N, C-alpha and C. Protein backbone atom coordinates (compact mmCIF):
# COMPACT_ATOMS: atom_id res chain seq x y z
N MET A 1 0.84 -1.18 0.00
CA MET A 1 0.00 0.00 0.00
C MET A 1 0.88 1.24 0.00
N GLY A 2 0.46 2.25 -0.71
CA GLY A 2 1.25 3.46 -0.82
C GLY A 2 0.74 4.58 0.06
N ASN A 3 1.52 5.61 0.10
CA ASN A 3 1.16 6.82 0.81
C ASN A 3 -0.06 7.44 0.13
N LEU A 4 -0.91 8.09 0.91
CA LEU A 4 -2.12 8.71 0.38
C LEU A 4 -1.81 9.62 -0.81
N ASN A 5 -0.71 10.35 -0.77
CA ASN A 5 -0.39 11.32 -1.80
C ASN A 5 0.25 10.70 -3.04
N THR A 6 0.63 9.42 -3.00
CA THR A 6 1.25 8.79 -4.16
C THR A 6 0.29 7.89 -4.91
N LEU A 7 -0.95 7.79 -4.45
CA LEU A 7 -1.92 6.93 -5.09
C LEU A 7 -2.91 7.74 -5.91
N THR A 8 -3.38 7.16 -7.00
CA THR A 8 -4.46 7.81 -7.73
C THR A 8 -5.75 7.54 -6.97
N LYS A 9 -6.78 8.30 -7.25
CA LYS A 9 -8.05 8.13 -6.55
C LYS A 9 -8.58 6.71 -6.73
N THR A 10 -8.46 6.16 -7.93
CA THR A 10 -8.95 4.80 -8.19
C THR A 10 -8.18 3.78 -7.37
N ASN A 11 -6.85 3.86 -7.40
CA ASN A 11 -6.04 2.92 -6.63
C ASN A 11 -6.28 3.07 -5.13
N TYR A 12 -6.51 4.28 -4.70
CA TYR A 12 -6.73 4.56 -3.28
C TYR A 12 -7.89 3.73 -2.75
N PHE A 13 -9.02 3.74 -3.47
CA PHE A 13 -10.18 3.00 -3.00
C PHE A 13 -10.06 1.51 -3.29
N ASN A 14 -9.40 1.13 -4.38
CA ASN A 14 -9.22 -0.29 -4.70
C ASN A 14 -8.31 -0.99 -3.70
N GLU A 15 -7.40 -0.28 -3.07
CA GLU A 15 -6.48 -0.89 -2.11
C GLU A 15 -7.05 -0.92 -0.70
N GLY A 16 -8.30 -0.54 -0.54
CA GLY A 16 -8.94 -0.65 0.76
C GLY A 16 -8.75 0.54 1.69
N PHE A 17 -8.23 1.63 1.19
CA PHE A 17 -8.07 2.81 2.03
C PHE A 17 -9.42 3.49 2.25
N THR A 18 -9.51 4.19 3.32
CA THR A 18 -10.65 5.08 3.52
C THR A 18 -10.10 6.48 3.72
N MET A 19 -10.87 7.46 3.30
CA MET A 19 -10.43 8.84 3.47
C MET A 19 -10.34 9.15 4.95
N PRO A 20 -9.32 9.88 5.38
CA PRO A 20 -9.23 10.22 6.80
C PRO A 20 -10.38 11.13 7.19
N SER A 21 -10.91 10.92 8.37
CA SER A 21 -11.98 11.80 8.83
C SER A 21 -11.35 13.07 9.40
N LEU A 22 -12.09 14.15 9.29
CA LEU A 22 -11.58 15.42 9.79
C LEU A 22 -11.70 15.44 11.31
N GLY A 23 -10.60 15.76 11.95
CA GLY A 23 -10.60 15.84 13.40
C GLY A 23 -11.06 17.20 13.89
N GLU A 24 -11.17 17.32 15.19
CA GLU A 24 -11.48 18.61 15.79
C GLU A 24 -10.35 19.58 15.45
N ILE A 25 -10.65 20.86 15.37
CA ILE A 25 -9.62 21.85 15.07
C ILE A 25 -8.84 22.13 16.33
N LYS A 26 -7.52 21.89 16.26
CA LYS A 26 -6.64 22.13 17.39
C LYS A 26 -5.89 23.44 17.17
N ILE A 27 -5.82 24.25 18.19
CA ILE A 27 -5.07 25.50 18.12
C ILE A 27 -3.62 25.19 18.49
N ILE A 28 -2.70 25.51 17.56
CA ILE A 28 -1.29 25.27 17.81
C ILE A 28 -0.48 26.52 17.48
N LYS A 29 0.72 26.57 18.00
CA LYS A 29 1.62 27.70 17.76
C LYS A 29 2.75 27.24 16.85
N ILE A 30 3.08 28.07 15.87
CA ILE A 30 4.20 27.75 14.98
C ILE A 30 5.49 28.19 15.65
N GLU A 31 6.42 27.28 15.74
CA GLU A 31 7.73 27.61 16.29
C GLU A 31 8.61 28.10 15.14
N ASP A 32 9.60 27.33 14.70
CA ASP A 32 10.45 27.71 13.58
C ASP A 32 9.81 27.39 12.23
N GLU A 33 9.15 26.24 12.15
CA GLU A 33 8.56 25.78 10.90
C GLU A 33 7.43 24.82 11.23
N LEU A 34 6.40 24.82 10.40
CA LEU A 34 5.31 23.86 10.57
C LEU A 34 5.06 23.21 9.22
N ARG A 35 5.63 22.03 9.03
CA ARG A 35 5.36 21.26 7.81
C ARG A 35 5.14 19.80 8.14
N ILE A 36 5.49 19.38 9.37
CA ILE A 36 5.30 18.00 9.82
C ILE A 36 4.07 17.94 10.72
N CYS A 37 3.17 17.04 10.41
CA CYS A 37 1.95 16.91 11.20
C CYS A 37 2.28 16.42 12.61
N PRO A 38 1.88 17.17 13.64
CA PRO A 38 2.14 16.74 15.02
C PRO A 38 1.42 15.45 15.39
N ASP A 39 0.32 15.12 14.72
CA ASP A 39 -0.43 13.91 15.06
C ASP A 39 0.16 12.63 14.45
N CYS A 40 0.50 12.67 13.15
CA CYS A 40 0.92 11.42 12.50
C CYS A 40 2.35 11.44 11.97
N GLY A 41 3.00 12.62 11.95
CA GLY A 41 4.37 12.70 11.47
C GLY A 41 4.52 12.87 9.97
N TYR A 42 3.41 13.03 9.24
CA TYR A 42 3.48 13.27 7.80
C TYR A 42 4.36 14.50 7.55
N GLU A 43 5.32 14.39 6.62
CA GLU A 43 6.38 15.40 6.49
C GLU A 43 6.25 16.40 5.34
N TYR A 44 5.20 16.33 4.55
CA TYR A 44 5.17 17.13 3.33
C TYR A 44 4.15 18.26 3.32
N GLY A 45 3.86 18.83 4.46
CA GLY A 45 3.00 20.01 4.51
C GLY A 45 1.52 19.70 4.65
N PHE A 46 0.72 20.72 4.42
CA PHE A 46 -0.71 20.67 4.70
C PHE A 46 -1.54 21.21 3.55
N HIS A 47 -2.79 20.78 3.51
CA HIS A 47 -3.80 21.42 2.68
C HIS A 47 -4.38 22.56 3.52
N THR A 48 -5.13 23.45 2.90
CA THR A 48 -5.77 24.53 3.65
C THR A 48 -7.26 24.56 3.37
N SER A 49 -7.99 25.08 4.33
CA SER A 49 -9.41 25.35 4.14
C SER A 49 -9.72 26.66 4.85
N LEU A 50 -10.85 27.23 4.51
CA LEU A 50 -11.26 28.51 5.11
C LEU A 50 -12.58 28.31 5.83
N ILE A 51 -12.67 28.88 7.02
CA ILE A 51 -13.90 28.83 7.80
C ILE A 51 -14.29 30.26 8.13
N ASN A 52 -15.54 30.59 7.92
CA ASN A 52 -16.03 31.93 8.23
C ASN A 52 -15.80 32.18 9.72
N ALA A 53 -15.04 33.20 10.05
CA ALA A 53 -14.67 33.49 11.44
C ALA A 53 -15.86 33.98 12.25
N ASN A 54 -16.90 34.47 11.59
CA ASN A 54 -18.07 35.00 12.30
C ASN A 54 -19.27 34.05 12.25
N ALA A 55 -19.09 32.85 11.74
CA ALA A 55 -20.21 31.94 11.48
C ALA A 55 -21.00 31.57 12.74
N ASN A 56 -20.33 31.28 13.84
CA ASN A 56 -21.02 30.79 15.03
C ASN A 56 -21.13 31.82 16.14
N LYS A 57 -20.97 33.07 15.80
CA LYS A 57 -21.04 34.11 16.83
C LYS A 57 -22.46 34.63 16.95
N ASP A 58 -22.92 34.78 18.18
CA ASP A 58 -24.26 35.31 18.44
C ASP A 58 -24.20 36.79 18.79
N ASP A 59 -23.17 37.46 18.34
CA ASP A 59 -22.99 38.88 18.62
C ASP A 59 -24.07 39.68 17.91
N PRO A 60 -24.82 40.51 18.62
CA PRO A 60 -25.87 41.30 17.96
C PRO A 60 -25.30 42.35 17.00
N VAL A 61 -24.06 42.73 17.20
CA VAL A 61 -23.42 43.70 16.31
C VAL A 61 -22.60 42.92 15.30
N LYS A 62 -23.10 42.83 14.08
CA LYS A 62 -22.42 42.07 13.03
C LYS A 62 -21.38 42.93 12.33
N SER A 63 -20.26 42.35 12.02
CA SER A 63 -19.22 43.05 11.29
C SER A 63 -19.59 43.08 9.81
N THR A 64 -19.28 44.19 9.16
CA THR A 64 -19.52 44.27 7.71
C THR A 64 -18.35 43.68 6.94
N ARG A 65 -17.27 43.41 7.61
CA ARG A 65 -16.08 42.84 6.99
C ARG A 65 -16.09 41.33 7.19
N GLN A 66 -16.13 40.59 6.10
CA GLN A 66 -16.14 39.14 6.19
C GLN A 66 -14.72 38.64 6.39
N LEU A 67 -14.51 37.87 7.45
CA LEU A 67 -13.19 37.40 7.82
C LEU A 67 -13.20 35.88 7.89
N TYR A 68 -12.12 35.25 7.41
CA TYR A 68 -12.03 33.79 7.41
C TYR A 68 -10.82 33.32 8.20
N ARG A 69 -10.98 32.21 8.92
CA ARG A 69 -9.87 31.54 9.60
C ARG A 69 -9.24 30.58 8.59
N VAL A 70 -7.92 30.55 8.51
CA VAL A 70 -7.21 29.60 7.65
C VAL A 70 -6.91 28.37 8.50
N ILE A 71 -7.42 27.22 8.06
CA ILE A 71 -7.23 25.97 8.79
C ILE A 71 -6.31 25.07 7.98
N LEU A 72 -5.30 24.51 8.63
CA LEU A 72 -4.37 23.57 7.99
C LEU A 72 -4.89 22.16 8.22
N ILE A 73 -4.90 21.35 7.15
CA ILE A 73 -5.39 19.98 7.22
C ILE A 73 -4.29 19.03 6.77
N CYS A 74 -3.98 18.04 7.59
CA CYS A 74 -3.00 17.02 7.21
C CYS A 74 -3.63 16.11 6.17
N PRO A 75 -3.01 15.97 4.98
CA PRO A 75 -3.59 15.11 3.95
C PRO A 75 -3.50 13.63 4.29
N GLU A 76 -2.68 13.27 5.26
CA GLU A 76 -2.49 11.86 5.61
C GLU A 76 -3.51 11.39 6.66
N CYS A 77 -3.67 12.15 7.74
CA CYS A 77 -4.53 11.68 8.83
C CYS A 77 -5.79 12.52 9.03
N GLY A 78 -5.89 13.68 8.37
CA GLY A 78 -7.08 14.51 8.50
C GLY A 78 -7.08 15.45 9.70
N ALA A 79 -5.99 15.47 10.46
CA ALA A 79 -5.92 16.38 11.61
C ALA A 79 -6.02 17.82 11.12
N ARG A 80 -6.72 18.66 11.89
CA ARG A 80 -6.90 20.06 11.50
C ARG A 80 -6.30 20.97 12.57
N TYR A 81 -5.65 22.04 12.08
CA TYR A 81 -4.94 22.96 12.98
C TYR A 81 -5.28 24.40 12.66
N ASP A 82 -5.44 25.20 13.70
CA ASP A 82 -5.63 26.64 13.58
C ASP A 82 -4.38 27.28 14.17
N VAL A 83 -3.63 27.99 13.32
CA VAL A 83 -2.40 28.65 13.79
C VAL A 83 -2.59 30.15 13.97
N GLY A 84 -3.84 30.60 13.90
CA GLY A 84 -4.15 32.00 14.15
C GLY A 84 -4.19 32.90 12.93
N TRP A 85 -4.10 32.32 11.74
CA TRP A 85 -4.14 33.15 10.53
C TRP A 85 -5.58 33.49 10.20
N LYS A 86 -5.83 34.74 9.86
CA LYS A 86 -7.14 35.18 9.41
C LYS A 86 -6.96 36.03 8.16
N ILE A 87 -7.86 35.87 7.21
CA ILE A 87 -7.78 36.67 5.98
C ILE A 87 -9.15 37.27 5.69
N PRO A 88 -9.17 38.48 5.12
CA PRO A 88 -10.46 39.08 4.74
C PRO A 88 -10.91 38.52 3.40
N ALA A 89 -12.21 38.55 3.19
CA ALA A 89 -12.76 38.17 1.89
C ALA A 89 -12.38 39.25 0.88
N ALA A 90 -12.12 38.85 -0.34
CA ALA A 90 -11.79 39.82 -1.39
C ALA A 90 -13.02 40.67 -1.69
N GLU A 91 -12.79 41.92 -1.87
CA GLU A 91 -13.86 42.84 -2.23
C GLU A 91 -13.54 43.40 -3.61
N TRP A 92 -13.78 42.58 -4.62
CA TRP A 92 -13.35 42.91 -5.97
C TRP A 92 -13.96 44.20 -6.50
N GLY A 93 -15.19 44.47 -6.16
CA GLY A 93 -15.85 45.66 -6.68
C GLY A 93 -15.30 46.96 -6.10
N ASN A 94 -14.61 46.90 -4.97
CA ASN A 94 -14.13 48.10 -4.30
C ASN A 94 -12.64 48.35 -4.52
N ARG A 95 -12.01 47.68 -5.45
CA ARG A 95 -10.57 47.82 -5.67
C ARG A 95 -10.20 49.07 -6.47
N ILE A 96 -11.13 49.62 -7.23
CA ILE A 96 -10.84 50.78 -8.08
C ILE A 96 -11.10 52.05 -7.28
N VAL A 97 -10.11 52.91 -7.24
CA VAL A 97 -10.24 54.17 -6.53
C VAL A 97 -10.28 55.28 -7.57
N LYS A 98 -11.34 56.06 -7.58
CA LYS A 98 -11.46 57.15 -8.54
C LYS A 98 -10.98 58.43 -7.86
N THR A 99 -10.09 59.13 -8.54
CA THR A 99 -9.58 60.41 -8.03
C THR A 99 -9.72 61.46 -9.11
N PRO A 100 -9.86 62.71 -8.72
CA PRO A 100 -9.95 63.76 -9.75
C PRO A 100 -8.61 63.90 -10.47
N ALA A 101 -8.69 64.19 -11.75
CA ALA A 101 -7.47 64.38 -12.54
C ALA A 101 -6.82 65.71 -12.19
N LEU A 102 -5.52 65.75 -12.16
CA LEU A 102 -4.77 66.97 -11.91
C LEU A 102 -3.97 67.29 -13.17
N HIS A 103 -4.29 68.37 -13.80
CA HIS A 103 -3.61 68.75 -15.04
C HIS A 103 -2.30 69.44 -14.71
N LEU A 104 -1.24 69.01 -15.35
CA LEU A 104 0.09 69.60 -15.10
C LEU A 104 0.16 71.06 -15.54
N SER A 105 -0.68 71.44 -16.49
CA SER A 105 -0.65 72.83 -16.97
C SER A 105 -1.14 73.81 -15.90
N ARG A 106 -1.81 73.34 -14.90
CA ARG A 106 -2.31 74.21 -13.84
C ARG A 106 -1.35 74.35 -12.68
N LEU A 107 -0.25 73.66 -12.69
CA LEU A 107 0.72 73.73 -11.59
C LEU A 107 1.62 74.94 -11.67
């Protein structure tokens, strides 16, 4: 049997593997480097997923800024880690800033 990442999807299921179940999200701190899974020892990094940071909050004052938690997932065992990274949702429509033109002849 091969490593999860060296098998094709067809071979993966034909060899009797099951997809790893996603574990509870564990909060961990990055020391010098984080590429080895603390749970299973897998050495080749992580997949990522995004979770809405405001999804389960019952705060009556809702933020207008959508923020996501970046979750690292071990592709070998399914362990999930939160290292404290948060990213805002892209606001593509608001990227253009209109400013009045300044003519050099008026300087």
